[in-house]
Protein backbone atom coordinates (compact mmCIF):
# COMPACT_ATOMS: atom_id res chain seq x y z
CA MET A 1 -40.80 12.59 90.85
CA THR A 2 -39.64 15.76 90.34
CA ILE A 3 -39.98 17.60 87.27
CA PHE A 4 -36.22 17.33 86.32
CA TRP A 5 -36.23 13.47 86.97
CA ARG A 6 -38.89 12.75 84.75
CA PHE A 7 -36.83 14.72 82.35
CA ILE A 8 -33.79 12.39 82.49
CA ALA A 9 -35.91 9.28 82.29
CA THR A 10 -37.84 10.09 79.23
CA SER A 11 -34.59 11.16 77.94
CA PHE A 12 -32.71 7.90 78.78
CA ALA A 13 -36.15 5.81 77.36
CA THR A 14 -36.02 8.03 74.11
CA ALA A 15 -32.58 7.25 73.56
CA ALA A 16 -33.08 3.23 73.90
CA PHE A 17 -35.90 3.21 72.23
CA LEU A 18 -33.96 5.24 69.21
CA THR A 19 -30.92 2.80 69.30
CA SER A 20 -32.62 0.02 69.70
CA GLN A 21 -34.46 0.30 66.41
CA PRO A 22 -32.78 -0.73 63.00
CA ALA A 23 -30.75 1.60 61.12
CA LEU A 24 -31.62 1.81 57.54
CA ALA A 25 -30.02 0.14 55.75
CA ARG A 26 -27.82 1.91 52.60
CA VAL A 27 -28.65 0.20 49.24
CA ASN A 28 -25.64 -0.43 46.70
CA GLN A 29 -25.56 -0.56 43.16
CA PRO A 30 -24.95 -4.17 41.90
CA LEU A 31 -21.60 -5.02 40.75
CA THR A 32 -22.76 -7.09 37.95
CA ASP A 33 -24.53 -4.28 36.89
CA ILE A 34 -21.35 -2.20 36.21
CA MET A 35 -20.13 -5.29 34.89
CA ASP A 36 -22.38 -5.79 32.57
CA LEU A 37 -22.32 -2.25 31.33
CA ALA A 38 -17.66 -2.64 30.80
CA ARG A 39 -18.94 -5.63 28.45
CA ASP A 40 -21.51 -4.36 26.57
CA VAL A 41 -19.33 -0.96 25.18
CA ALA A 42 -16.33 -3.55 24.81
CA THR A 43 -18.30 -5.57 22.67
CA ALA A 44 -19.65 -2.93 20.75
CA ALA A 45 -16.85 -0.98 20.17
CA ALA A 46 -15.26 -4.25 18.82
CA MET A 47 -18.06 -5.30 16.49
CA ASP A 48 -18.61 -1.22 15.17
CA ARG A 49 -14.41 -1.96 13.92
CA GLY A 50 -15.59 -4.92 12.21
CA TYR A 51 -15.03 -7.95 13.97
CA GLU A 52 -17.70 -10.12 14.23
CA ASP A 53 -16.92 -12.87 16.38
CA VAL A 54 -16.11 -11.06 19.89
CA MET A 55 -15.25 -12.72 23.33
CA VAL A 56 -14.76 -9.96 25.86
CA SER A 57 -13.81 -11.38 29.60
CA ILE A 58 -13.91 -8.69 32.34
CA ARG A 59 -11.87 -9.20 35.67
CA PRO A 60 -14.53 -9.43 38.86
CA LEU A 61 -14.58 -5.99 40.37
CA ASP A 62 -13.30 -6.19 44.47
CA ALA A 63 -16.40 -7.31 46.62
CA ARG A 64 -15.74 -4.30 48.84
CA LEU A 65 -16.28 -1.90 46.57
CA ALA A 66 -20.17 -0.51 47.40
CA PRO A 67 -21.07 2.43 45.67
CA ALA A 68 -24.62 4.23 46.07
CA LEU A 69 -27.21 3.09 44.02
CA CYS A 70 -27.20 5.19 40.90
CA ASP A 71 -30.63 6.80 41.07
CA ALA A 72 -29.23 7.84 37.09
CA PRO A 73 -28.28 5.95 34.28
CA LEU A 74 -25.17 4.66 34.12
CA GLN A 75 -23.01 5.88 31.87
CA ALA A 76 -19.54 4.27 30.12
CA LEU A 77 -17.01 7.42 29.78
CA PRO A 78 -15.53 7.59 26.52
CA GLY A 79 -12.64 4.93 25.71
CA ARG A 80 -9.17 6.67 24.75
CA ALA A 81 -7.36 3.76 23.54
CA LYS A 82 -7.12 3.20 20.23
CA SER A 83 -7.47 -0.98 20.12
CA THR A 84 -10.36 -1.99 20.58
CA LEU A 85 -8.76 -5.84 21.20
CA GLY A 86 -6.25 -6.75 23.90
CA PRO A 87 -6.48 -5.43 27.13
CA ILE A 88 -8.75 -2.88 27.83
CA SER A 89 -10.23 -0.28 30.73
CA VAL A 90 -13.74 0.67 31.21
CA GLY A 91 -15.09 3.80 33.02
CA VAL A 92 -18.40 3.25 33.90
CA ARG A 93 -19.95 6.82 35.73
CA CYS A 94 -22.81 7.58 37.82
CA ASN A 95 -24.18 11.03 37.59
CA GLY A 96 -26.73 10.80 39.86
CA SER A 97 -27.76 12.51 43.59
CA GLN A 98 -24.74 10.71 45.12
CA PRO A 99 -22.12 10.30 41.91
CA TRP A 100 -18.88 7.76 41.48
CA THR A 101 -16.83 6.55 39.12
CA ILE A 102 -15.21 3.15 38.35
CA TYR A 103 -13.07 1.42 35.97
CA VAL A 104 -13.27 -1.89 34.94
CA ARG A 105 -11.10 -3.71 33.26
CA GLY A 106 -10.88 -6.78 30.95
CA THR A 107 -9.67 -8.29 27.63
CA VAL A 108 -11.08 -7.87 24.47
CA ASN A 109 -10.24 -11.17 22.05
CA ALA A 110 -11.90 -11.77 18.09
CA TYR A 111 -12.00 -14.15 15.76
CA ALA A 112 -11.19 -13.48 12.41
CA ASP A 113 -10.81 -15.22 8.88
CA ILE A 114 -6.77 -14.03 8.14
CA PRO A 115 -4.35 -15.32 6.06
CA VAL A 116 -1.71 -17.05 7.77
CA LEU A 117 1.54 -19.89 6.92
CA THR A 118 1.02 -23.00 5.86
CA GLN A 119 5.07 -23.77 7.36
CA SER A 120 7.14 -22.26 9.41
CA VAL A 121 9.90 -19.72 6.86
CA PRO A 122 13.26 -18.89 7.93
CA ARG A 123 14.98 -15.47 7.55
CA GLY A 124 15.01 -14.21 4.56
CA GLU A 125 12.46 -16.14 1.95
CA LEU A 126 10.24 -15.26 -0.06
CA ILE A 127 7.36 -16.15 0.98
CA SER A 128 4.60 -17.57 -2.20
CA GLN A 129 1.05 -18.00 -2.80
CA GLY A 130 1.55 -22.03 -1.74
CA ASP A 131 2.85 -20.48 1.35
CA ILE A 132 -0.52 -19.32 2.81
CA ALA A 133 -3.78 -20.20 3.65
CA ILE A 134 -6.93 -18.97 4.91
CA GLU A 135 -7.53 -20.01 8.54
CA GLN A 136 -10.20 -18.85 10.89
CA VAL A 137 -7.59 -17.44 14.42
CA GLU A 138 -8.45 -15.98 17.50
CA ILE A 139 -6.30 -12.38 17.66
CA SER A 140 -5.59 -10.17 20.38
CA SER A 141 -4.80 -6.98 18.85
CA ASP A 142 -6.28 -4.62 15.63
CA PHE A 143 -6.08 -5.07 12.55
CA GLU A 144 -3.82 -2.18 12.05
CA ARG A 145 -1.42 -4.83 13.16
CA ILE A 146 -2.21 -7.96 11.17
CA ILE A 147 -1.91 -8.50 7.54
CA VAL A 148 -5.38 -9.79 6.21
CA ASP A 149 -5.02 -9.35 2.47
CA GLN A 150 -2.82 -12.33 0.85
CA ILE A 151 -1.54 -9.40 -1.53
CA ASP A 152 0.30 -7.91 0.88
CA ILE A 153 2.30 -11.08 1.94
CA VAL A 154 3.02 -12.80 -1.22
CA GLY A 155 6.50 -11.97 -2.65
CA LYS A 156 7.81 -10.15 0.42
CA GLN A 157 10.53 -11.27 2.61
CA ALA A 158 10.83 -12.47 6.09
CA LYS A 159 12.60 -10.25 8.15
CA ARG A 160 12.68 -12.90 10.75
CA ALA A 161 12.28 -16.59 11.17
CA LEU A 162 8.40 -17.02 11.21
CA ARG A 163 6.39 -20.04 12.59
CA ALA A 164 3.03 -21.57 10.04
CA GLY A 165 -0.13 -20.86 12.13
CA GLU A 166 0.64 -17.35 13.23
CA PRO A 167 -0.98 -13.98 11.85
CA LEU A 168 2.13 -12.22 10.22
CA ARG A 169 1.99 -8.04 10.29
CA PHE A 170 3.41 -5.93 8.14
CA THR A 171 6.88 -5.31 10.56
CA GLN A 172 7.41 -8.89 10.15
CA LEU A 173 7.98 -8.80 6.30
CA MET A 174 9.69 -6.36 3.79
CA HIS A 175 10.50 -5.75 -0.18
CA PRO A 176 13.38 -8.35 -1.13
CA ILE A 177 16.43 -6.64 -1.69
CA LEU A 178 16.45 -6.01 -5.21
CA ILE A 179 20.10 -4.08 -5.24
CA GLU A 180 22.99 -5.28 -2.97
CA ARG A 181 25.75 -2.92 -2.45
CA GLY A 182 28.53 -2.76 -4.37
CA GLN A 183 26.30 -3.77 -7.14
CA GLU A 184 26.55 -2.15 -10.38
CA VAL A 185 23.11 -0.57 -11.66
CA THR A 186 21.46 1.47 -14.24
CA LEU A 187 20.78 5.07 -12.97
CA ILE A 188 17.61 7.16 -14.70
CA SER A 189 17.72 10.23 -14.92
CA GLY A 190 14.86 12.81 -16.17
CA LEU A 191 14.99 16.81 -17.40
CA ALA A 192 12.81 18.12 -19.26
CA GLY A 193 11.05 15.09 -20.58
CA ILE A 194 14.13 13.76 -20.95
CA GLU A 195 15.55 10.35 -19.80
CA VAL A 196 19.34 9.77 -19.58
CA ARG A 197 20.50 6.36 -18.91
CA MET A 198 24.26 5.49 -17.15
CA GLN A 199 25.95 3.34 -14.92
CA GLY A 200 26.44 3.65 -11.98
CA LYS A 201 27.63 1.58 -8.62
CA ALA A 202 25.05 0.82 -5.66
CA LEU A 203 26.70 2.67 -2.35
CA ALA A 204 24.09 0.71 -0.51
CA SER A 205 21.62 -2.37 -0.50
CA GLY A 206 17.87 -1.70 -1.08
CA ALA A 207 13.96 -2.66 -1.94
CA ALA A 208 11.93 -1.39 -4.03
CA GLY A 209 11.07 1.93 -3.02
CA ASP A 210 14.09 2.34 -0.75
CA ARG A 211 15.59 5.65 -1.16
CA ILE A 212 19.63 4.78 -1.57
CA LEU A 213 23.01 6.48 -2.26
CA VAL A 214 24.85 5.40 -5.69
CA ALA A 215 27.98 6.70 -7.58
CA ASN A 216 28.27 7.85 -11.37
CA GLU A 217 30.35 5.30 -12.89
CA ARG A 218 32.25 7.78 -14.74
CA SER A 219 31.97 11.21 -12.67
CA GLY A 220 32.51 9.33 -9.53
CA ARG A 221 29.91 11.68 -7.99
CA ARG A 222 27.42 10.58 -5.14
CA LEU A 223 24.05 11.08 -5.94
CA GLU A 224 20.82 9.78 -4.37
CA GLY A 225 18.33 7.60 -5.97
CA VAL A 226 15.40 5.61 -5.57
CA VAL A 227 15.56 1.78 -6.32
CA GLY A 228 12.42 0.98 -8.97
CA GLN A 229 10.72 -2.55 -9.25
CA ASP A 230 12.64 -3.46 -11.87
CA GLY A 231 16.34 -2.88 -10.16
CA THR A 232 17.29 0.55 -11.62
CA VAL A 233 17.45 3.54 -9.43
CA LYS A 234 15.73 6.57 -10.30
CA ILE A 235 18.28 9.78 -9.47
CA ARG A 236 16.21 12.28 -7.17
CA TRP A 237 17.93 15.98 -8.12
CA ARG A 238 17.23 18.31 -5.02
């Protein structure tokens, strides 16, 4: 056999040997590690906001994902959402030699002791102390939207019909209307420490703290004032 044919035979033999060897298997990052980190981060964020009984439900990642095994500690990306309850998205990043970033979605709920209505309240009805009880309920939105103190409920008026047992939100309640449009009211004006009272007519309805237009009964001049807790209107001079 010539040197040429020996070289060809050796090359084929070498190639056959190499192709017969199993390829080095790539090691992937377990998806459970990524999901567990996202769950821990979401739980810690909710507990930092004062929620104690926190439940985090993580949506399973697509099994077809195959991120490389990270040779550095996994890191959670800073969250952009202000809310910690409800739908969440947590970014998990590998800053190793083969970097990748995966976002994990889920839902965070919590249980809390908050005031709720013991019975349904019709629209426009005033809420009394007897209408409220403290109960442990499941909540899925942050406390910024939910009323947690009874003092913010008692004496308020329902903007719409409210159902028993549900958490109340500030947007559902309002201060009771103290002045109706067309009603005769007492106007209070004060300059240089001198208080002057006069009669007027309300040109709009309003609750305590609302700004409304009124008309001076004598001059007919239109003025702007703030409704007081006692139903008077304090004139605002510009």
